Amino acid sequence: MIFIYRCGESIEDPDPPARPLWVEKSAPTDTIESGLRPYNDGNGILLEWHPNLEEDISGYKLYRTGEDIENKFALIADINAFKISGADTFFIDDLVQLNIDYFYYLKAYDQAENKSGASDTIRYRLIEKAEPLKPSGTVNNYTPEFEWHDFTNFTYEYVIRVESFLSREVIWISRIRRSNYTDFSQKISYNSDGSAALNSLESGTTYQWCIKSISLVDNRNFDIGGSISNWGYFIIE
């Protein structure tokens, strides 16, 4: 029998917390990213879930297995709920290898050490990042050509994202098919699909851009395999 203690008296607490709920994953071209996704800095998988609403929630235990969901799950993180702020909770798993499917589930626990049932199981597979090449530094083309290197043969689609560096406003985001697999160099002209917020970029503004590589999708066409590059930066003269 499990007890918690309040004001000097012990009170039986037989009720476990509700099972945790993952934050809904954003689509590859959503301007605001959420849920399970690759992480910009380094090689990591970012997992995001909603906080449990129980007043006595104490933390979350994150379990993972690699390569095959039938493998035994192991506890990889015990996350203290009291150190978490904001509407959602998150964890970055940077102890992962490339080209391996990783499966995750969560359990919440309260101050009486009651554990919840397991969350849904989610998965992601990281691949090697693309490398932004140009534009970089100072450029004088208001509709520049974007070029990047991709040294893998796993990627079949990309999402290019261009933002204002200061405001973080998304100027252009577009999902494109890989043009060829025989050349490591990939390129696309700004606003080639006509979907950008600006027909041409503005003088004196600093921009940042990155490339999300997609190697595997689920039945909603959301990525469950891929990577996101580091940011590239440029300013229009």
C-alpha atoms as a PDB file:
ATOM      1  CA  MET A   1       0.000   0.000   0.000  1.00  0.00           C
ATOM      2  CA  ILE A   2       1.370   3.423  -0.986  1.00  0.00           C
ATOM      3  CA  PHE A   3       0.930   6.572   1.085  1.00  0.00           C
ATOM      4  CA  ILE A   4       1.686  10.255   0.636  1.00  0.00           C
ATOM      5  CA  TYR A   5       2.150  12.625   3.550  1.00  0.00           C
ATOM      6  CA  ARG A   6       0.382  15.970   3.985  1.00  0.00           C
ATOM      7  CA  CYS A   7       0.540  18.165   7.109  1.00  0.00           C
ATOM      8  CA  GLY A   8       1.809  15.350   9.289  1.00  0.00           C
ATOM      9  CA  GLU A   9      -0.795  12.760   8.283  1.00  0.00           C
ATOM     10  CA  SER A  10      -0.465   9.887   5.870  1.00  0.00           C
ATOM     11  CA  ILE A  11      -3.046   9.512   3.119  1.00  0.00           C
ATOM     12  CA  GLU A  12      -3.385   6.472   0.927  1.00  0.00           C
ATOM     13  CA  ASP A  13      -2.869   7.309  -2.748  1.00  0.00           C
ATOM     14  CA  PRO A  14      -3.826   4.328  -4.901  1.00  0.00           C
ATOM     15  CA  ASP A  15      -4.511   6.243  -8.127  1.00  0.00           C
ATOM     16  CA  PRO A  16      -1.800   6.354 -10.812  1.00  0.00           C
ATOM     17  CA  PRO A  17      -1.441   9.378 -13.114  1.00  0.00           C
ATOM     18  CA  ALA A  18      -2.999   9.436 -16.553  1.00  0.00           C
ATOM     19  CA  ARG A  19      -0.779   8.146 -19.299  1.00  0.00           C
ATOM     20  CA  PRO A  20       1.204  10.942 -21.015  1.00  0.00           C
ATOM     21  CA  LEU A  21       0.131  12.331 -24.382  1.00  0.00           C
ATOM     22  CA  TRP A  22       2.644  13.267 -27.065  1.00  0.00           C
ATOM     23  CA  VAL A  23       2.360  16.697 -28.676  1.00  0.00           C
ATOM     24  CA  GLU A  24       0.866  16.405 -32.160  1.00  0.00           C
ATOM     25  CA  LYS A  25       3.652  16.292 -34.718  1.00  0.00           C
ATOM     26  CA  SER A  26       3.772  19.202 -37.150  1.00  0.00           C
ATOM     27  CA  ALA A  27       3.727  18.616 -40.888  1.00  0.00           C
ATOM     28  CA  PRO A  28       7.075  19.120 -42.666  1.00  0.00           C
ATOM     29  CA  THR A  29       5.971  22.462 -44.156  1.00  0.00           C
ATOM     30  CA  ASP A  30       4.279  23.900 -41.048  1.00  0.00           C
ATOM     31  CA  THR A  31       5.819  27.233 -40.088  1.00  0.00           C
ATOM     32  CA  ILE A  32       5.690  26.331 -36.369  1.00  0.00           C
ATOM     33  CA  GLU A  33       7.355  23.009 -35.596  1.00  0.00           C
ATOM     34  CA  SER A  34       6.094  20.785 -32.810  1.00  0.00           C
ATOM     35  CA  GLY A  35       6.229  17.207 -31.615  1.00  0.00           C
ATOM     36  CA  LEU A  36       8.716  14.528 -32.633  1.00  0.00           C
ATOM     37  CA  ARG A  37      11.401  15.902 -34.967  1.00  0.00           C
ATOM     38  CA  PRO A  38      15.126  16.083 -35.665  1.00  0.00           C
ATOM     39  CA  TYR A  39      17.148  18.709 -33.806  1.00  0.00           C
ATOM     40  CA  ASN A  40      19.148  21.481 -35.495  1.00  0.00           C
ATOM     41  CA  ASP A  41      22.190  21.480 -33.226  1.00  0.00           C
ATOM     42  CA  GLY A  42      24.188  18.257 -33.351  1.00  0.00           C
ATOM     43  CA  ASN A  43      22.549  14.925 -34.061  1.00  0.00           C
ATOM     44  CA  GLY A  44      19.520  14.405 -31.875  1.00  0.00           C
ATOM     45  CA  ILE A  45      15.836  13.545 -31.788  1.00  0.00           C
ATOM     46  CA  LEU A  46      13.534  16.003 -30.008  1.00  0.00           C
ATOM     47  CA  LEU A  47      10.501  14.500 -28.235  1.00  0.00           C
ATOM     48  CA  GLU A  48       7.699  16.691 -26.922  1.00  0.00           C
ATOM     49  CA  TRP A  49       4.686  15.828 -24.773  1.00  0.00           C
ATOM     50  CA  HIS A  50       1.906  17.553 -22.833  1.00  0.00           C
ATOM     51  CA  PRO A  51       2.387  17.874 -19.060  1.00  0.00           C
ATOM     52  CA  ASN A  52       0.154  15.748 -16.877  1.00  0.00           C
ATOM     53  CA  LEU A  53      -2.486  17.731 -14.989  1.00  0.00           C
ATOM     54  CA  GLU A  54      -2.303  15.886 -11.644  1.00  0.00           C
ATOM     55  CA  GLU A  55      -1.213  18.180  -8.812  1.00  0.00           C
ATOM     56  CA  ASP A  56       1.112  15.544  -7.341  1.00  0.00           C
ATOM     57  CA  ILE A  57       2.877  14.663 -10.601  1.00  0.00           C
ATOM     58  CA  SER A  58       6.555  14.082  -9.924  1.00  0.00           C
ATOM     59  CA  GLY A  59       8.164  13.155 -13.218  1.00  0.00           C
ATOM     60  CA  TYR A  60       8.338  11.103 -16.375  1.00  0.00           C
ATOM     61  CA  LYS A  61      10.276   8.017 -17.364  1.00  0.00           C
ATOM     62  CA  LEU A  62      11.306   7.759 -21.008  1.00  0.00           C
ATOM     63  CA  TYR A  63      11.934   4.349 -22.566  1.00  0.00           C
ATOM     64  CA  ARG A  64      13.617   3.552 -25.870  1.00  0.00           C
ATOM     65  CA  THR A  65      14.560   0.663 -28.081  1.00  0.00           C
ATOM     66  CA  GLY A  66      16.457   0.643 -31.354  1.00  0.00           C
ATOM     67  CA  GLU A  67      16.144  -1.050 -34.740  1.00  0.00           C
ATOM     68  CA  ASP A  68      13.052  -3.163 -33.979  1.00  0.00           C
ATOM     69  CA  ILE A  69      10.012  -2.417 -31.835  1.00  0.00           C
ATOM     70  CA  GLU A  70      10.055  -6.049 -30.688  1.00  0.00           C
ATOM     71  CA  ASN A  71      13.361  -5.449 -28.898  1.00  0.00           C
ATOM     72  CA  LYS A  72      13.374  -4.826 -25.151  1.00  0.00           C
ATOM     73  CA  PHE A  73      12.800  -1.184 -24.163  1.00  0.00           C
ATOM     74  CA  ALA A  74      15.273   0.381 -21.729  1.00  0.00           C
ATOM     75  CA  LEU A  75      14.846   3.395 -19.457  1.00  0.00           C
ATOM     76  CA  ILE A  76      16.970   6.230 -20.899  1.00  0.00           C
ATOM     77  CA  ALA A  77      15.794   9.252 -18.881  1.00  0.00           C
ATOM     78  CA  ASP A  78      14.053  10.078 -15.602  1.00  0.00           C
ATOM     79  CA  ILE A  79      12.754  13.617 -16.052  1.00  0.00           C
ATOM     80  CA  ASN A  80      11.880  15.701 -12.995  1.00  0.00           C
ATOM     81  CA  ALA A  81       8.549  17.458 -13.563  1.00  0.00           C
ATOM     82  CA  PHE A  82       9.444  20.258 -11.131  1.00  0.00           C
ATOM     83  CA  LYS A  83      12.253  21.424 -13.418  1.00  0.00           C
ATOM     84  CA  ILE A  84       9.972  21.676 -16.429  1.00  0.00           C
ATOM     85  CA  SER A  85       8.364  24.966 -17.396  1.00  0.00           C
ATOM     86  CA  GLY A  86       6.019  25.990 -20.149  1.00  0.00           C
ATOM     87  CA  ALA A  87       2.968  24.370 -21.699  1.00  0.00           C
ATOM     88  CA  ASP A  88       4.779  21.328 -23.054  1.00  0.00           C
ATOM     89  CA  THR A  89       7.626  19.145 -21.914  1.00  0.00           C
ATOM     90  CA  PHE A  90      10.462  17.962 -24.095  1.00  0.00           C
ATOM     91  CA  PHE A  91      13.603  15.852 -24.162  1.00  0.00           C
ATOM     92  CA  ILE A  92      16.447  15.776 -26.691  1.00  0.00           C
ATOM     93  CA  ASP A  93      17.900  12.320 -27.219  1.00  0.00           C
ATOM     94  CA  ASP A  94      21.386  12.977 -28.566  1.00  0.00           C
ATOM     95  CA  LEU A  95      22.737   9.503 -27.755  1.00  0.00           C
ATOM     96  CA  VAL A  96      21.543   8.068 -31.029  1.00  0.00           C
ATOM     97  CA  GLN A  97      23.201   6.670 -34.126  1.00  0.00           C
ATOM     98  CA  LEU A  98      22.368   7.467 -37.725  1.00  0.00           C
ATOM     99  CA  ASN A  99      20.217   5.196 -39.888  1.00  0.00           C
ATOM    100  CA  ILE A 100      18.634   3.322 -36.975  1.00  0.00           C
ATOM    101  CA  ASP A 101      14.923   3.303 -36.147  1.00  0.00           C
ATOM    102  CA  TYR A 102      14.349   4.404 -32.536  1.00  0.00           C
ATOM    103  CA  PHE A 103      11.056   3.747 -30.739  1.00  0.00           C
ATOM    104  CA  TYR A 104       9.957   5.627 -27.602  1.00  0.00           C
ATOM    105  CA  TYR A 105       7.243   5.605 -24.969  1.00  0.00           C
ATOM    106  CA  LEU A 106       6.672   7.543 -21.727  1.00  0.00           C
ATOM    107  CA  LYS A 107       5.297   6.813 -18.283  1.00  0.00           C
ATOM    108  CA  ALA A 108       4.345   9.484 -15.739  1.00  0.00           C
ATOM    109  CA  TYR A 109       4.737   8.952 -11.994  1.00  0.00           C
ATOM    110  CA  ASP A 110       3.486  10.825  -8.958  1.00  0.00           C
ATOM    111  CA  GLN A 111       4.916  11.657  -5.524  1.00  0.00           C
ATOM    112  CA  ALA A 112       3.609   8.343  -4.175  1.00  0.00           C
ATOM    113  CA  GLU A 113       5.567   6.576  -6.949  1.00  0.00           C
ATOM    114  CA  ASN A 114       2.453   5.387  -8.742  1.00  0.00           C
ATOM    115  CA  LYS A 115       3.240   4.915 -12.443  1.00  0.00           C
ATOM    116  CA  SER A 116       0.893   5.622 -15.308  1.00  0.00           C
ATOM    117  CA  GLY A 117       0.237   3.360 -18.210  1.00  0.00           C
ATOM    118  CA  ALA A 118       2.529   3.723 -21.206  1.00  0.00           C
ATOM    119  CA  SER A 119       1.990   6.456 -23.761  1.00  0.00           C
ATOM    120  CA  ASP A 120       1.637   5.640 -27.428  1.00  0.00           C
ATOM    121  CA  THR A 121       4.867   4.439 -29.022  1.00  0.00           C
ATOM    122  CA  ILE A 122       6.479   6.802 -31.534  1.00  0.00           C
ATOM    123  CA  ARG A 123       9.482   6.379 -33.826  1.00  0.00           C
ATOM    124  CA  TYR A 124      12.135   8.320 -35.706  1.00  0.00           C
ATOM    125  CA  ARG A 125      15.262   7.538 -37.735  1.00  0.00           C
ATOM    126  CA  LEU A 126      18.033  10.126 -38.096  1.00  0.00           C
ATOM    127  CA  ILE A 127      20.145  10.373 -41.224  1.00  0.00           C
ATOM    128  CA  GLU A 128      23.166  12.518 -42.048  1.00  0.00           C
ATOM    129  CA  LYS A 129      22.480  16.248 -42.238  1.00  0.00           C
ATOM    130  CA  ALA A 130      22.577  18.200 -45.464  1.00  0.00           C
ATOM    131  CA  GLU A 131      25.206  20.954 -45.591  1.00  0.00           C
ATOM    132  CA  PRO A 132      24.043  24.472 -46.612  1.00  0.00           C
ATOM    133  CA  LEU A 133      26.501  26.059 -49.072  1.00  0.00           C
ATOM    134  CA  LYS A 134      25.071  29.209 -50.589  1.00  0.00           C
ATOM    135  CA  PRO A 135      23.865  31.878 -50.376  1.00  0.00           C
ATOM    136  CA  SER A 136      26.296  32.742 -47.610  1.00  0.00           C
ATOM    137  CA  GLY A 137      27.741  36.019 -46.370  1.00  0.00           C
ATOM    138  CA  THR A 138      26.885  39.121 -48.405  1.00  0.00           C
ATOM    139  CA  VAL A 139      25.074  38.616 -51.718  1.00  0.00           C
ATOM    140  CA  ASN A 140      23.607  41.000 -54.295  1.00  0.00           C
ATOM    141  CA  ASN A 141      20.927  38.742 -55.789  1.00  0.00           C
ATOM    142  CA  TYR A 142      17.391  39.402 -54.534  1.00  0.00           C
ATOM    143  CA  THR A 143      16.214  35.965 -55.726  1.00  0.00           C
ATOM    144  CA  PRO A 144      19.283  33.843 -54.963  1.00  0.00           C
ATOM    145  CA  GLU A 145      19.857  30.223 -55.816  1.00  0.00           C
ATOM    146  CA  PHE A 146      20.106  27.955 -52.777  1.00  0.00           C
ATOM    147  CA  GLU A 147      22.638  25.157 -52.922  1.00  0.00           C
ATOM    148  CA  TRP A 148      23.459  22.403 -50.444  1.00  0.00           C
ATOM    149  CA  HIS A 149      25.358  19.139 -50.266  1.00  0.00           C
ATOM    150  CA  ASP A 150      23.704  15.849 -49.376  1.00  0.00           C
ATOM    151  CA  PHE A 151      26.157  12.979 -49.095  1.00  0.00           C
ATOM    152  CA  THR A 152      23.522  10.294 -48.463  1.00  0.00           C
ATOM    153  CA  ASN A 153      21.366   8.278 -50.815  1.00  0.00           C
ATOM    154  CA  PHE A 154      18.535   8.039 -48.278  1.00  0.00           C
ATOM    155  CA  THR A 155      16.876  11.414 -48.879  1.00  0.00           C
ATOM    156  CA  TYR A 156      14.118  11.612 -51.473  1.00  0.00           C
ATOM    157  CA  GLU A 157      12.535  14.933 -50.451  1.00  0.00           C
ATOM    158  CA  TYR A 158      13.649  18.225 -48.924  1.00  0.00           C
ATOM    159  CA  VAL A 159      11.952  21.097 -47.148  1.00  0.00           C
ATOM    160  CA  ILE A 160      13.751  24.414 -47.566  1.00  0.00           C
ATOM    161  CA  ARG A 161      13.031  27.040 -44.904  1.00  0.00           C
ATOM    162  CA  VAL A 162      14.063  30.708 -45.181  1.00  0.00           C
ATOM    163  CA  GLU A 163      13.510  33.119 -42.286  1.00  0.00           C
ATOM    164  CA  SER A 164      14.305  36.685 -41.327  1.00  0.00           C
ATOM    165  CA  PHE A 165      17.155  36.342 -38.841  1.00  0.00           C
ATOM    166  CA  LEU A 166      15.922  39.061 -36.448  1.00  0.00           C
ATOM    167  CA  SER A 167      12.166  38.481 -36.447  1.00  0.00           C
ATOM    168  CA  ARG A 168      12.257  34.728 -37.209  1.00  0.00           C
ATOM    169  CA  GLU A 169       9.393  35.358 -39.621  1.00  0.00           C
ATOM    170  CA  VAL A 170       9.194  32.549 -42.175  1.00  0.00           C
ATOM    171  CA  ILE A 171       9.646  34.032 -45.641  1.00  0.00           C
ATOM    172  CA  TRP A 172       9.619  30.850 -47.693  1.00  0.00           C
ATOM    173  CA  ILE A 173       9.041  27.203 -46.892  1.00  0.00           C
ATOM    174  CA  SER A 174       8.711  24.623 -49.635  1.00  0.00           C
ATOM    175  CA  ARG A 175       8.737  20.830 -49.956  1.00  0.00           C
ATOM    176  CA  ILE A 176      10.556  19.576 -53.035  1.00  0.00           C
ATOM    177  CA  ARG A 177      11.501  16.231 -54.561  1.00  0.00           C
ATOM    178  CA  ARG A 178      15.177  15.378 -54.826  1.00  0.00           C
ATOM    179  CA  SER A 179      16.252  16.213 -58.356  1.00  0.00           C
ATOM    180  CA  ASN A 180      18.935  13.552 -58.692  1.00  0.00           C
ATOM    181  CA  TYR A 181      20.749  10.878 -56.706  1.00  0.00           C
ATOM    182  CA  THR A 182      23.994  10.846 -58.663  1.00  0.00           C
ATOM    183  CA  ASP A 183      25.145  14.337 -57.658  1.00  0.00           C
ATOM    184  CA  PHE A 184      25.783  15.313 -54.036  1.00  0.00           C
ATOM    185  CA  SER A 185      25.021  18.945 -54.911  1.00  0.00           C
ATOM    186  CA  GLN A 186      21.342  19.981 -54.776  1.00  0.00           C
ATOM    187  CA  LYS A 187      19.963  23.423 -55.661  1.00  0.00           C
ATOM    188  CA  ILE A 188      16.792  25.416 -56.076  1.00  0.00           C
ATOM    189  CA  SER A 189      16.030  29.056 -56.950  1.00  0.00           C
ATOM    190  CA  TYR A 190      14.274  31.278 -54.438  1.00  0.00           C
ATOM    191  CA  ASN A 191      10.464  31.180 -54.678  1.00  0.00           C
ATOM    192  CA  SER A 192      10.561  28.704 -57.567  1.00  0.00           C
ATOM    193  CA  ASP A 193       7.098  27.470 -56.564  1.00  0.00           C
ATOM    194  CA  GLY A 194       5.604  30.958 -56.088  1.00  0.00           C
ATOM    195  CA  SER A 195       4.708  30.326 -52.428  1.00  0.00           C
ATOM    196  CA  ALA A 196       7.105  32.775 -50.722  1.00  0.00           C
ATOM    197  CA  ALA A 197       5.771  35.668 -48.652  1.00  0.00           C
ATOM    198  CA  LEU A 198       8.005  38.039 -50.669  1.00  0.00           C
ATOM    199  CA  ASN A 199       8.514  37.915 -54.420  1.00  0.00           C
ATOM    200  CA  SER A 200      12.113  38.949 -53.802  1.00  0.00           C
ATOM    201  CA  LEU A 201      14.249  39.330 -50.710  1.00  0.00           C
ATOM    202  CA  GLU A 202      14.963  42.746 -49.236  1.00  0.00           C
ATOM    203  CA  SER A 203      18.163  44.773 -49.191  1.00  0.00           C
ATOM    204  CA  GLY A 204      19.895  45.194 -45.822  1.00  0.00           C
ATOM    205  CA  THR A 205      18.115  42.218 -44.242  1.00  0.00           C
ATOM    206  CA  THR A 206      19.888  39.216 -42.756  1.00  0.00           C
ATOM    207  CA  TYR A 207      18.303  35.846 -43.488  1.00  0.00           C
ATOM    208  CA  GLN A 208      18.831  32.355 -42.167  1.00  0.00           C
ATOM    209  CA  TRP A 209      17.968  29.141 -43.974  1.00  0.00           C
ATOM    210  CA  CYS A 210      18.072  25.416 -43.447  1.00  0.00           C
ATOM    211  CA  ILE A 211      17.243  22.167 -45.188  1.00  0.00           C
ATOM    212  CA  LYS A 212      15.157  19.353 -43.740  1.00  0.00           C
ATOM    213  CA  SER A 213      15.944  16.029 -45.401  1.00  0.00           C
ATOM    214  CA  ILE A 214      13.157  13.431 -45.520  1.00  0.00           C
ATOM    215  CA  SER A 215      13.922   9.744 -45.919  1.00  0.00           C
ATOM    216  CA  LEU A 216      10.812   8.067 -44.487  1.00  0.00           C
ATOM    217  CA  VAL A 217       7.171   9.132 -44.000  1.00  0.00           C
ATOM    218  CA  ASP A 218       4.116   7.752 -42.228  1.00  0.00           C
ATOM    219  CA  ASN A 219       0.626   7.255 -43.646  1.00  0.00           C
ATOM    220  CA  ARG A 220      -0.068  11.016 -43.310  1.00  0.00           C
ATOM    221  CA  ASN A 221       3.071  11.878 -45.330  1.00  0.00           C
ATOM    222  CA  PHE A 222       4.722  13.262 -42.180  1.00  0.00           C
ATOM    223  CA  ASP A 223       8.433  12.579 -41.780  1.00  0.00           C
ATOM    224  CA  ILE A 224       9.496   9.778 -39.408  1.00  0.00           C
ATOM    225  CA  GLY A 225      12.983   9.621 -40.854  1.00  0.00           C
ATOM    226  CA  GLY A 226      15.346  12.395 -41.831  1.00  0.00           C
ATOM    227  CA  SER A 227      17.430  15.255 -40.463  1.00  0.00           C
ATOM    228  CA  ILE A 228      17.604  19.018 -40.355  1.00  0.00           C
ATOM    229  CA  SER A 229      20.713  20.956 -41.294  1.00  0.00           C
ATOM    230  CA  ASN A 230      22.482  23.633 -39.330  1.00  0.00           C
ATOM    231  CA  TRP A 231      21.488  27.185 -40.234  1.00  0.00           C
ATOM    232  CA  GLY A 232      23.075  29.066 -43.095  1.00  0.00           C
ATOM    233  CA  TYR A 233      23.181  32.903 -43.004  1.00  0.00           C
ATOM    234  CA  PHE A 234      23.336  35.662 -45.618  1.00  0.00           C
ATOM    235  CA  ILE A 235      22.553  39.354 -46.043  1.00  0.00           C
ATOM    236  CA  ILE A 236      21.304  41.112 -49.174  1.00  0.00           C
ATOM    237  CA  GLU A 237      23.376  44.174 -50.160  1.00  0.00           C
END
